[in-house]
Amino acid sequence: ALKIGAIIGGADANSQEELFEFGIQLGLSFQLWDDYLDVFG
């Protein structure tokens, strides 16, 4: 989602990849927290 938005916005290739990697880390954090909430939420 982040990379597609960057492409449409006219970002250079390096910025596109950096946003993609940010999304990967964000997703890992999101899922770890979701695992926790499934039990303790």
PDB file of all heavy atoms in Angstrom:
ATOM      1  N   ALA A   1       0.833  -1.206   0.000  1.00  0.00           N
ATOM      2  CA  ALA A   1       0.000   0.000   0.000  1.00  0.00           C
ATOM      3  C   ALA A   1       0.870   1.258   0.000  1.00  0.00           C
ATOM      4  O   ALA A   1       0.604   2.223  -0.727  1.00  0.00           O
ATOM      5  CB  ALA A   1      -0.923  -0.009   1.223  1.00  0.00           C
ATOM      6  N   LEU A   2       1.922   1.244   0.811  1.00  0.00           N
ATOM      7  CA  LEU A   2       2.835   2.380   0.868  1.00  0.00           C
ATOM      8  C   LEU A   2       3.585   2.560  -0.448  1.00  0.00           C
ATOM      9  O   LEU A   2       3.749   3.690  -0.939  1.00  0.00           O
ATOM     10  CB  LEU A   2       3.828   2.190   2.020  1.00  0.00           C
ATOM     11  CG  LEU A   2       3.269   2.452   3.424  1.00  0.00           C
ATOM     12  CD1 LEU A   2       4.134   1.775   4.479  1.00  0.00           C
ATOM     13  CD2 LEU A   2       3.173   3.948   3.694  1.00  0.00           C
ATOM     14  N   LYS A   3       4.046   1.467  -1.034  1.00  0.00           N
ATOM     15  CA  LYS A   3       4.803   1.573  -2.280  1.00  0.00           C
ATOM     16  C   LYS A   3       3.920   2.037  -3.431  1.00  0.00           C
ATOM     17  O   LYS A   3       4.338   2.873  -4.249  1.00  0.00           O
ATOM     18  CB  LYS A   3       5.446   0.231  -2.614  1.00  0.00           C
ATOM     19  CG  LYS A   3       6.376   0.311  -3.826  1.00  0.00           C
ATOM     20  CD  LYS A   3       7.187  -0.965  -4.005  1.00  0.00           C
ATOM     21  CE  LYS A   3       8.167  -0.825  -5.173  1.00  0.00           C
ATOM     22  NZ  LYS A   3       9.016  -2.029  -5.311  1.00  0.00           N
ATOM     23  N   ILE A   4       2.700   1.524  -3.499  1.00  0.00           N
ATOM     24  CA  ILE A   4       1.780   1.940  -4.562  1.00  0.00           C
ATOM     25  C   ILE A   4       1.479   3.431  -4.450  1.00  0.00           C
ATOM     26  O   ILE A   4       1.469   4.161  -5.449  1.00  0.00           O
ATOM     27  CB  ILE A   4       0.494   1.095  -4.517  1.00  0.00           C
ATOM     28  CG1 ILE A   4       0.789  -0.313  -5.043  1.00  0.00           C
ATOM     29  CG2 ILE A   4      -0.633   1.741  -5.320  1.00  0.00           C
ATOM     30  CD1 ILE A   4      -0.332  -1.316  -4.836  1.00  0.00           C
ATOM     31  N   GLY A   5       1.237   3.911  -3.234  1.00  0.00           N
ATOM     32  CA  GLY A   5       1.013   5.338  -3.044  1.00  0.00           C
ATOM     33  C   GLY A   5       2.208   6.161  -3.481  1.00  0.00           C
ATOM     34  O   GLY A   5       2.063   7.213  -4.120  1.00  0.00           O
ATOM     35  N   ALA A   6       3.414   5.674  -3.148  1.00  0.00           N
ATOM     36  CA  ALA A   6       4.640   6.384  -3.522  1.00  0.00           C
ATOM     37  C   ALA A   6       4.806   6.441  -5.040  1.00  0.00           C
ATOM     38  O   ALA A   6       5.211   7.469  -5.595  1.00  0.00           O
ATOM     39  CB  ALA A   6       5.842   5.708  -2.875  1.00  0.00           C
ATOM     40  N   ILE A   7       4.482   5.345  -5.718  1.00  0.00           N
ATOM     41  CA  ILE A   7       4.578   5.313  -7.184  1.00  0.00           C
ATOM     42  C   ILE A   7       3.651   6.368  -7.790  1.00  0.00           C
ATOM     43  O   ILE A   7       4.049   7.136  -8.673  1.00  0.00           O
ATOM     44  CB  ILE A   7       4.222   3.912  -7.720  1.00  0.00           C
ATOM     45  CG1 ILE A   7       5.294   2.897  -7.319  1.00  0.00           C
ATOM     46  CG2 ILE A   7       4.066   3.929  -9.241  1.00  0.00           C
ATOM     47  CD1 ILE A   7       4.890   1.445  -7.549  1.00  0.00           C
ATOM     48  N   ILE A   8       2.419   6.417  -7.316  1.00  0.00           N
ATOM     49  CA  ILE A   8       1.447   7.375  -7.842  1.00  0.00           C
ATOM     50  C   ILE A   8       1.873   8.808  -7.542  1.00  0.00           C
ATOM     51  O   ILE A   8       1.682   9.722  -8.358  1.00  0.00           O
ATOM     52  CB  ILE A   8       0.048   7.087  -7.264  1.00  0.00           C
ATOM     53  CG1 ILE A   8      -0.453   5.722  -7.754  1.00  0.00           C
ATOM     54  CG2 ILE A   8      -0.954   8.179  -7.643  1.00  0.00           C
ATOM     55  CD1 ILE A   8      -1.680   5.216  -7.043  1.00  0.00           C
ATOM     56  N   GLY A   9       2.478   8.997  -6.374  1.00  0.00           N
ATOM     57  CA  GLY A   9       2.912  10.337  -5.995  1.00  0.00           C
ATOM     58  C   GLY A   9       4.153  10.815  -6.716  1.00  0.00           C
ATOM     59  O   GLY A   9       4.525  11.990  -6.617  1.00  0.00           O
ATOM     60  N   GLY A  10       4.829   9.923  -7.445  1.00  0.00           N
ATOM     61  CA  GLY A  10       6.014  10.308  -8.202  1.00  0.00           C
ATOM     62  C   GLY A  10       7.316  10.136  -7.462  1.00  0.00           C
ATOM     63  O   GLY A  10       8.324  10.767  -7.800  1.00  0.00           O
ATOM     64  N   ALA A  11       7.354   9.264  -6.456  1.00  0.00           N
ATOM     65  CA  ALA A  11       8.572   9.054  -5.673  1.00  0.00           C
ATOM     66  C   ALA A  11       9.634   8.342  -6.511  1.00  0.00           C
ATOM     67  O   ALA A  11       9.317   7.574  -7.421  1.00  0.00           O
ATOM     68  CB  ALA A  11       8.258   8.222  -4.442  1.00  0.00           C
ATOM     69  N   ASP A  12      10.904   8.589  -6.177  1.00  0.00           N
ATOM     70  CA  ASP A  12      11.994   7.874  -6.838  1.00  0.00           C
ATOM     71  C   ASP A  12      12.038   6.437  -6.326  1.00  0.00           C
ATOM     72  O   ASP A  12      11.438   6.098  -5.303  1.00  0.00           O
ATOM     73  CB  ASP A  12      13.327   8.575  -6.579  1.00  0.00           C
ATOM     74  CG  ASP A  12      13.660   8.656  -5.100  1.00  0.00           C
ATOM     75  OD1 ASP A  12      14.186   7.681  -4.556  1.00  0.00           O
ATOM     76  OD2 ASP A  12      13.364   9.705  -4.496  1.00  0.00           O
ATOM     77  N   ALA A  13      12.780   5.590  -7.033  1.00  0.00           N
ATOM     78  CA  ALA A  13      12.815   4.163  -6.718  1.00  0.00           C
ATOM     79  C   ALA A  13      13.329   3.892  -5.311  1.00  0.00           C
ATOM     80  O   ALA A  13      12.814   2.996  -4.613  1.00  0.00           O
ATOM     81  CB  ALA A  13      13.683   3.428  -7.740  1.00  0.00           C
ATOM     82  N   ASN A  14      14.334   4.651  -4.861  1.00  0.00           N
ATOM     83  CA  ASN A  14      14.881   4.442  -3.525  1.00  0.00           C
ATOM     84  C   ASN A  14      13.838   4.741  -2.446  1.00  0.00           C
ATOM     85  O   ASN A  14      13.701   3.992  -1.473  1.00  0.00           O
ATOM     86  CB  ASN A  14      16.113   5.323  -3.324  1.00  0.00           C
ATOM     87  CG  ASN A  14      16.800   5.048  -1.999  1.00  0.00           C
ATOM     88  OD1 ASN A  14      17.241   3.940  -1.728  1.00  0.00           O
ATOM     89  ND2 ASN A  14      16.869   6.067  -1.149  1.00  0.00           N
ATOM     90  N   SER A  15      13.106   5.829  -2.615  1.00  0.00           N
ATOM     91  CA  SER A  15      12.054   6.183  -1.643  1.00  0.00           C
ATOM     92  C   SER A  15      10.955   5.131  -1.624  1.00  0.00           C
ATOM     93  O   SER A  15      10.418   4.791  -0.564  1.00  0.00           O
ATOM     94  CB  SER A  15      11.463   7.556  -1.979  1.00  0.00           C
ATOM     95  OG  SER A  15      12.438   8.568  -1.857  1.00  0.00           O
ATOM     96  N   GLN A  16      10.612   4.607  -2.791  1.00  0.00           N
ATOM     97  CA  GLN A  16       9.604   3.551  -2.863  1.00  0.00           C
ATOM     98  C   GLN A  16      10.031   2.339  -2.038  1.00  0.00           C
ATOM     99  O   GLN A  16       9.223   1.777  -1.280  1.00  0.00           O
ATOM    100  CB  GLN A  16       9.394   3.122  -4.315  1.00  0.00           C
ATOM    101  CG  GLN A  16       8.751   4.169  -5.212  1.00  0.00           C
ATOM    102  CD  GLN A  16       8.720   3.709  -6.661  1.00  0.00           C
ATOM    103  OE1 GLN A  16       8.738   2.505  -6.944  1.00  0.00           O
ATOM    104  NE2 GLN A  16       8.688   4.649  -7.585  1.00  0.00           N
ATOM    105  N   GLU A  17      11.290   1.936  -2.174  1.00  0.00           N
ATOM    106  CA  GLU A  17      11.779   0.756  -1.457  1.00  0.00           C
ATOM    107  C   GLU A  17      11.890   1.012   0.039  1.00  0.00           C
ATOM    108  O   GLU A  17      11.632   0.120   0.856  1.00  0.00           O
ATOM    109  CB  GLU A  17      13.125   0.321  -2.023  1.00  0.00           C
ATOM    110  CG  GLU A  17      13.034  -0.286  -3.417  1.00  0.00           C
ATOM    111  CD  GLU A  17      12.017  -1.405  -3.507  1.00  0.00           C
ATOM    112  OE1 GLU A  17      12.012  -2.290  -2.625  1.00  0.00           O
ATOM    113  OE2 GLU A  17      11.200  -1.386  -4.449  1.00  0.00           O
ATOM    114  N   GLU A  18      12.279   2.232   0.410  1.00  0.00           N
ATOM    115  CA  GLU A  18      12.367   2.555   1.836  1.00  0.00           C
ATOM    116  C   GLU A  18      10.988   2.518   2.489  1.00  0.00           C
ATOM    117  O   GLU A  18      10.830   2.032   3.620  1.00  0.00           O
ATOM    118  CB  GLU A  18      13.009   3.930   2.021  1.00  0.00           C
ATOM    119  CG  GLU A  18      14.507   3.928   1.762  1.00  0.00           C
ATOM    120  CD  GLU A  18      15.142   5.283   1.975  1.00  0.00           C
ATOM    121  OE1 GLU A  18      14.414   6.300   1.924  1.00  0.00           O
ATOM    122  OE2 GLU A  18      16.366   5.336   2.201  1.00  0.00           O
ATOM    123  N   LEU A  19       9.977   3.019   1.796  1.00  0.00           N
ATOM    124  CA  LEU A  19       8.613   2.967   2.329  1.00  0.00           C
ATOM    125  C   LEU A  19       8.110   1.522   2.390  1.00  0.00           C
ATOM    126  O   LEU A  19       7.394   1.148   3.318  1.00  0.00           O
ATOM    127  CB  LEU A  19       7.680   3.834   1.483  1.00  0.00           C
ATOM    128  CG  LEU A  19       7.764   5.322   1.785  1.00  0.00           C
ATOM    129  CD1 LEU A  19       7.130   6.144   0.662  1.00  0.00           C
ATOM    130  CD2 LEU A  19       7.085   5.650   3.115  1.00  0.00           C
ATOM    131  N   PHE A  20       8.480   0.728   1.404  1.00  0.00           N
ATOM    132  CA  PHE A  20       8.093  -0.689   1.416  1.00  0.00           C
ATOM    133  C   PHE A  20       8.679  -1.373   2.645  1.00  0.00           C
ATOM    134  O   PHE A  20       7.975  -2.106   3.361  1.00  0.00           O
ATOM    135  CB  PHE A  20       8.571  -1.378   0.135  1.00  0.00           C
ATOM    136  CG  PHE A  20       8.067  -2.788  -0.024  1.00  0.00           C
ATOM    137  CD1 PHE A  20       6.845  -3.040  -0.640  1.00  0.00           C
ATOM    138  CD2 PHE A  20       8.804  -3.869   0.440  1.00  0.00           C
ATOM    139  CE1 PHE A  20       6.367  -4.344  -0.786  1.00  0.00           C
ATOM    140  CE2 PHE A  20       8.341  -5.169   0.302  1.00  0.00           C
ATOM    141  CZ  PHE A  20       7.121  -5.401  -0.318  1.00  0.00           C
ATOM    142  N   GLU A  21       9.959  -1.142   2.917  1.00  0.00           N
ATOM    143  CA  GLU A  21      10.610  -1.754   4.073  1.00  0.00           C
ATOM    144  C   GLU A  21      10.003  -1.249   5.373  1.00  0.00           C
ATOM    145  O   GLU A  21       9.834  -2.019   6.333  1.00  0.00           O
ATOM    146  CB  GLU A  21      12.111  -1.465   4.046  1.00  0.00           C
ATOM    147  CG  GLU A  21      12.884  -2.092   5.200  1.00  0.00           C
ATOM    148  CD  GLU A  21      12.723  -3.603   5.310  1.00  0.00           C
ATOM    149  OE1 GLU A  21      12.501  -4.270   4.269  1.00  0.00           O
ATOM    150  OE2 GLU A  21      12.799  -4.130   6.437  1.00  0.00           O
ATOM    151  N   PHE A  22       9.660   0.037   5.437  1.00  0.00           N
ATOM    152  CA  PHE A  22       8.964   0.571   6.612  1.00  0.00           C
ATOM    153  C   PHE A  22       7.652  -0.177   6.830  1.00  0.00           C
ATOM    154  O   PHE A  22       7.306  -0.545   7.959  1.00  0.00           O
ATOM    155  CB  PHE A  22       8.690   2.064   6.434  1.00  0.00           C
ATOM    156  CG  PHE A  22       7.731   2.634   7.447  1.00  0.00           C
ATOM    157  CD1 PHE A  22       8.108   2.800   8.772  1.00  0.00           C
ATOM    158  CD2 PHE A  22       6.443   3.002   7.075  1.00  0.00           C
ATOM    159  CE1 PHE A  22       7.211   3.311   9.708  1.00  0.00           C
ATOM    160  CE2 PHE A  22       5.548   3.514   8.000  1.00  0.00           C
ATOM    161  CZ  PHE A  22       5.941   3.668   9.314  1.00  0.00           C
ATOM    162  N   GLY A  23       6.914  -0.446   5.737  1.00  0.00           N
ATOM    163  CA  GLY A  23       5.655  -1.182   5.839  1.00  0.00           C
ATOM    164  C   GLY A  23       5.847  -2.594   6.355  1.00  0.00           C
ATOM    165  O   GLY A  23       5.017  -3.114   7.110  1.00  0.00           O
ATOM    166  N   ILE A  24       6.949  -3.235   5.964  1.00  0.00           N
ATOM    167  CA  ILE A  24       7.255  -4.581   6.456  1.00  0.00           C
ATOM    168  C   ILE A  24       7.434  -4.552   7.971  1.00  0.00           C
ATOM    169  O   ILE A  24       6.851  -5.369   8.702  1.00  0.00           O
ATOM    170  CB  ILE A  24       8.523  -5.145   5.784  1.00  0.00           C
ATOM    171  CG1 ILE A  24       8.286  -5.398   4.284  1.00  0.00           C
ATOM    172  CG2 ILE A  24       8.980  -6.434   6.483  1.00  0.00           C
ATOM    173  CD1 ILE A  24       7.274  -6.476   3.969  1.00  0.00           C
ATOM    174  N   GLN A  25       8.233  -3.612   8.468  1.00  0.00           N
ATOM    175  CA  GLN A  25       8.471  -3.518   9.906  1.00  0.00           C
ATOM    176  C   GLN A  25       7.200  -3.147  10.663  1.00  0.00           C
ATOM    177  O   GLN A  25       6.928  -3.662  11.754  1.00  0.00           O
ATOM    178  CB  GLN A  25       9.581  -2.499  10.196  1.00  0.00           C
ATOM    179  CG  GLN A  25      10.907  -2.819   9.537  1.00  0.00           C
ATOM    180  CD  GLN A  25      11.434  -4.198   9.907  1.00  0.00           C
ATOM    181  OE1 GLN A  25      11.333  -4.623  11.059  1.00  0.00           O
ATOM    182  NE2 GLN A  25      11.981  -4.905   8.937  1.00  0.00           N
ATOM    183  N   LEU A  26       6.410  -2.261  10.088  1.00  0.00           N
ATOM    184  CA  LEU A  26       5.135  -1.870  10.696  1.00  0.00           C
ATOM    185  C   LEU A  26       4.207  -3.073  10.817  1.00  0.00           C
ATOM    186  O   LEU A  26       3.563  -3.287  11.843  1.00  0.00           O
ATOM    187  CB  LEU A  26       4.474  -0.777   9.851  1.00  0.00           C
ATOM    188  CG  LEU A  26       3.143  -0.211  10.343  1.00  0.00           C
ATOM    189  CD1 LEU A  26       3.303   0.540  11.655  1.00  0.00           C
ATOM    190  CD2 LEU A  26       2.545   0.713   9.282  1.00  0.00           C
ATOM    191  N   GLY A  27       4.162  -3.884   9.757  1.00  0.00           N
ATOM    192  CA  GLY A  27       3.299  -5.062   9.758  1.00  0.00           C
ATOM    193  C   GLY A  27       3.718  -6.106  10.779  1.00  0.00           C
ATOM    194  O   GLY A  27       2.870  -6.733  11.418  1.00  0.00           O
ATOM    195  N   LEU A  28       5.030  -6.301  10.932  1.00  0.00           N
ATOM    196  CA  LEU A  28       5.518  -7.247  11.935  1.00  0.00           C
ATOM    197  C   LEU A  28       5.103  -6.796  13.330  1.00  0.00           C
ATOM    198  O   LEU A  28       4.639  -7.604  14.151  1.00  0.00           O
ATOM    199  CB  LEU A  28       7.042  -7.372  11.849  1.00  0.00           C
ATOM    200  CG  LEU A  28       7.615  -8.002  10.583  1.00  0.00           C
ATOM    201  CD1 LEU A  28       9.142  -7.940  10.607  1.00  0.00           C
ATOM    202  CD2 LEU A  28       7.158  -9.442  10.417  1.00  0.00           C
ATOM    203  N   SER A  29       5.273  -5.513  13.614  1.00  0.00           N
ATOM    204  CA  SER A  29       4.882  -4.972  14.915  1.00  0.00           C
ATOM    205  C   SER A  29       3.382  -5.121  15.138  1.00  0.00           C
ATOM    206  O   SER A  29       2.924  -5.500  16.223  1.00  0.00           O
ATOM    207  CB  SER A  29       5.270  -3.486  15.008  1.00  0.00           C
ATOM    208  OG  SER A  29       6.635  -3.310  14.792  1.00  0.00           O
ATOM    209  N   PHE A  30       2.614  -4.814  14.097  1.00  0.00           N
ATOM    210  CA  PHE A  30       1.152  -4.904  14.161  1.00  0.00           C
ATOM    211  C   PHE A  30       0.709  -6.321  14.508  1.00  0.00           C
ATOM    212  O   PHE A  30      -0.148  -6.536  15.371  1.00  0.00           O
ATOM    213  CB  PHE A  30       0.562  -4.468  12.812  1.00  0.00           C
ATOM    214  CG  PHE A  30      -0.929  -4.573  12.708  1.00  0.00           C
ATOM    215  CD1 PHE A  30      -1.753  -3.520  13.078  1.00  0.00           C
ATOM    216  CD2 PHE A  30      -1.526  -5.736  12.232  1.00  0.00           C
ATOM    217  CE1 PHE A  30      -3.128  -3.629  12.973  1.00  0.00           C
ATOM    218  CE2 PHE A  30      -2.900  -5.849  12.137  1.00  0.00           C
ATOM    219  CZ  PHE A  30      -3.700  -4.789  12.503  1.00  0.00           C
ATOM    220  N   GLN A  31       1.317  -7.323  13.838  1.00  0.00           N
ATOM    221  CA  GLN A  31       0.891  -8.704  14.054  1.00  0.00           C
ATOM    222  C   GLN A  31       1.298  -9.220  15.424  1.00  0.00           C
ATOM    223  O   GLN A  31       0.550  -9.973  16.061  1.00  0.00           O
ATOM    224  CB  GLN A  31       1.463  -9.616  12.965  1.00  0.00           C
ATOM    225  CG  GLN A  31       0.899 -11.033  12.997  1.00  0.00           C
ATOM    226  CD  GLN A  31      -0.608 -11.060  12.842  1.00  0.00           C
ATOM    227  OE1 GLN A  31      -1.143 -10.521  11.875  1.00  0.00           O
ATOM    228  NE2 GLN A  31      -1.315 -11.680  13.783  1.00  0.00           N
ATOM    229  N   LEU A  32       2.485  -8.825  15.906  1.00  0.00           N
ATOM    230  CA  LEU A  32       2.889  -9.212  17.260  1.00  0.00           C
ATOM    231  C   LEU A  32       1.902  -8.688  18.286  1.00  0.00           C
ATOM    232  O   LEU A  32       1.516  -9.393  19.229  1.00  0.00           O
ATOM    233  CB  LEU A  32       4.293  -8.683  17.556  1.00  0.00           C
ATOM    234  CG  LEU A  32       5.444  -9.428  16.884  1.00  0.00           C
ATOM    235  CD1 LEU A  32       6.721  -8.617  16.979  1.00  0.00           C
ATOM    236  CD2 LEU A  32       5.641 -10.805  17.500  1.00  0.00           C
ATOM    237  N   TRP A  33       1.484  -7.445  18.116  1.00  0.00           N
ATOM    238  CA  TRP A  33       0.522  -6.845  19.043  1.00  0.00           C
ATOM    239  C   TRP A  33      -0.844  -7.522  18.899  1.00  0.00           C
ATOM    240  O   TRP A  33      -1.556  -7.729  19.882  1.00  0.00           O
ATOM    241  CB  TRP A  33       0.426  -5.352  18.780  1.00  0.00           C
ATOM    242  CG  TRP A  33      -0.429  -4.598  19.746  1.00  0.00           C
ATOM    243  CD1 TRP A  33      -1.525  -3.834  19.451  1.00  0.00           C
ATOM    244  CD2 TRP A  33      -0.269  -4.503  21.178  1.00  0.00           C
ATOM    245  NE1 TRP A  33      -2.048  -3.287  20.597  1.00  0.00           N
ATOM    246  CE2 TRP A  33      -1.302  -3.682  21.668  1.00  0.00           C
ATOM    247  CE3 TRP A  33       0.641  -5.057  22.074  1.00  0.00           C
ATOM    248  CZ2 TRP A  33      -1.444  -3.399  23.025  1.00  0.00           C
ATOM    249  CZ3 TRP A  33       0.502  -4.774  23.418  1.00  0.00           C
ATOM    250  CH2 TRP A  33      -0.524  -3.951  23.871  1.00  0.00           C
ATOM    251  N   ASP A  34      -1.213  -7.891  17.676  1.00  0.00           N
ATOM    252  CA  ASP A  34      -2.486  -8.568  17.436  1.00  0.00           C
ATOM    253  C   ASP A  34      -2.495  -9.933  18.116  1.00  0.00           C
ATOM    254  O   ASP A  34      -3.512 -10.350  18.688  1.00  0.00           O
ATOM    255  CB  ASP A  34      -2.716  -8.721  15.929  1.00  0.00           C
ATOM    256  CG  ASP A  34      -4.149  -9.124  15.602  1.00  0.00           C
ATOM    257  OD1 ASP A  34      -5.072  -8.348  15.920  1.00  0.00           O
ATOM    258  OD2 ASP A  34      -4.353 -10.216  15.034  1.00  0.00           O
ATOM    259  N   ASP A  35      -1.362 -10.639  18.071  1.00  0.00           N
ATOM    260  CA  ASP A  35      -1.242 -11.928  18.773  1.00  0.00           C
ATOM    261  C   ASP A  35      -1.475 -11.739  20.278  1.00  0.00           C
ATOM    262  O   ASP A  35      -2.147 -12.554  20.926  1.00  0.00           O
ATOM    263  CB  ASP A  35       0.157 -12.522  18.578  1.00  0.00           C
ATOM    264  CG  ASP A  35       0.376 -13.083  17.184  1.00  0.00           C
ATOM    265  OD1 ASP A  35      -0.564 -13.052  16.370  1.00  0.00           O
ATOM    266  OD2 ASP A  35       1.495 -13.545  16.920  1.00  0.00           O
ATOM    267  N   TYR A  36      -0.892 -10.682  20.814  1.00  0.00           N
ATOM    268  CA  TYR A  36      -1.038 -10.397  22.247  1.00  0.00           C
ATOM    269  C   TYR A  36      -2.491 -10.091  22.591  1.00  0.00           C
ATOM    270  O   TYR A  36      -3.046 -10.625  23.559  1.00  0.00           O
ATOM    271  CB  TYR A  36      -0.135  -9.217  22.621  1.00  0.00           C
ATOM    272  CG  TYR A  36      -0.279  -8.769  24.055  1.00  0.00           C
ATOM    273  CD1 TYR A  36       0.447  -9.371  25.076  1.00  0.00           C
ATOM    274  CD2 TYR A  36      -1.169  -7.753  24.404  1.00  0.00           C
ATOM    275  CE1 TYR A  36       0.304  -8.974  26.398  1.00  0.00           C
ATOM    276  CE2 TYR A  36      -1.314  -7.342  25.724  1.00  0.00           C
ATOM    277  CZ  TYR A  36      -0.574  -7.949  26.707  1.00  0.00           C
ATOM    278  OH  TYR A  36      -0.720  -7.559  28.014  1.00  0.00           O
ATOM    279  N   LEU A  37      -3.123  -9.244  21.783  1.00  0.00           N
ATOM    280  CA  LEU A  37      -4.505  -8.846  22.068  1.00  0.00           C
ATOM    281  C   LEU A  37      -5.474 -10.014  21.931  1.00  0.00           C
ATOM    282  O   LEU A  37      -6.504 -10.055  22.609  1.00  0.00           O
ATOM    283  CB  LEU A  37      -4.933  -7.706  21.134  1.00  0.00           C
ATOM    284  CG  LEU A  37      -4.288  -6.344  21.374  1.00  0.00           C
ATOM    285  CD1 LEU A  37      -4.759  -5.344  20.307  1.00  0.00           C
ATOM    286  CD2 LEU A  37      -4.616  -5.814  22.768  1.00  0.00           C
ATOM    287  N   ASP A  38      -5.162 -10.959  21.048  1.00  0.00           N
ATOM    288  CA  ASP A  38      -6.038 -12.125  20.881  1.00  0.00           C
ATOM    289  C   ASP A  38      -6.191 -12.874  22.197  1.00  0.00           C
ATOM    290  O   ASP A  38      -7.250 -13.450  22.472  1.00  0.00           O
ATOM    291  CB  ASP A  38      -5.471 -13.058  19.814  1.00  0.00           C
ATOM    292  CG  ASP A  38      -6.405 -14.221  19.506  1.00  0.00           C
ATOM    293  OD1 ASP A  38      -7.304 -14.053  18.673  1.00  0.00           O
ATOM    294  OD2 ASP A  38      -6.243 -15.289  20.137  1.00  0.00           O
ATOM    295  N   VAL A  39      -5.143 -12.865  23.017  1.00  0.00           N
ATOM    296  CA  VAL A  39      -5.173 -13.570  24.301  1.00  0.00           C
ATOM    297  C   VAL A  39      -5.565 -12.642  25.445  1.00  0.00           C
ATOM    298  O   VAL A  39      -6.425 -12.966  26.264  1.00  0.00           O
ATOM    299  CB  VAL A  39      -3.794 -14.210  24.604  1.00  0.00           C
ATOM    300  CG1 VAL A  39      -3.818 -14.908  25.963  1.00  0.00           C
ATOM    301  CG2 VAL A  39      -3.422 -15.197  23.517  1.00  0.00           C
ATOM    302  N   PHE A  40      -4.961 -11.471  25.496  1.00  0.00           N
ATOM    303  CA  PHE A  40      -5.100 -10.601  26.667  1.00  0.00           C
ATOM    304  C   PHE A  40      -5.998  -9.381  26.437  1.00  0.00           C
ATOM    305  O   PHE A  40      -6.229  -8.610  27.367  1.00  0.00           O
ATOM    306  CB  PHE A  40      -3.717 -10.135  27.128  1.00  0.00           C
ATOM    307  CG  PHE A  40      -2.831 -11.257  27.563  1.00  0.00           C
ATOM    308  CD1 PHE A  40      -1.726 -11.631  26.801  1.00  0.00           C
ATOM    309  CD2 PHE A  40      -3.096 -11.974  28.722  1.00  0.00           C
ATOM    310  CE1 PHE A  40      -0.906 -12.671  27.192  1.00  0.00           C
ATOM    311  CE2 PHE A  40      -2.283 -13.017  29.124  1.00  0.00           C
ATOM    312  CZ  PHE A  40      -1.187 -13.370  28.359  1.00  0.00           C
ATOM    313  N   GLY A  41      -6.506  -9.202  25.219  1.00  0.00           N
ATOM    314  CA  GLY A  41      -7.355  -8.045  24.929  1.00  0.00           C
ATOM    315  C   GLY A  41      -8.789  -8.256  25.373  1.00  0.00           C
ATOM    316  O   GLY A  41      -9.237  -9.379  25.618  1.00  0.00           O
TER     317      GLY A  41
END
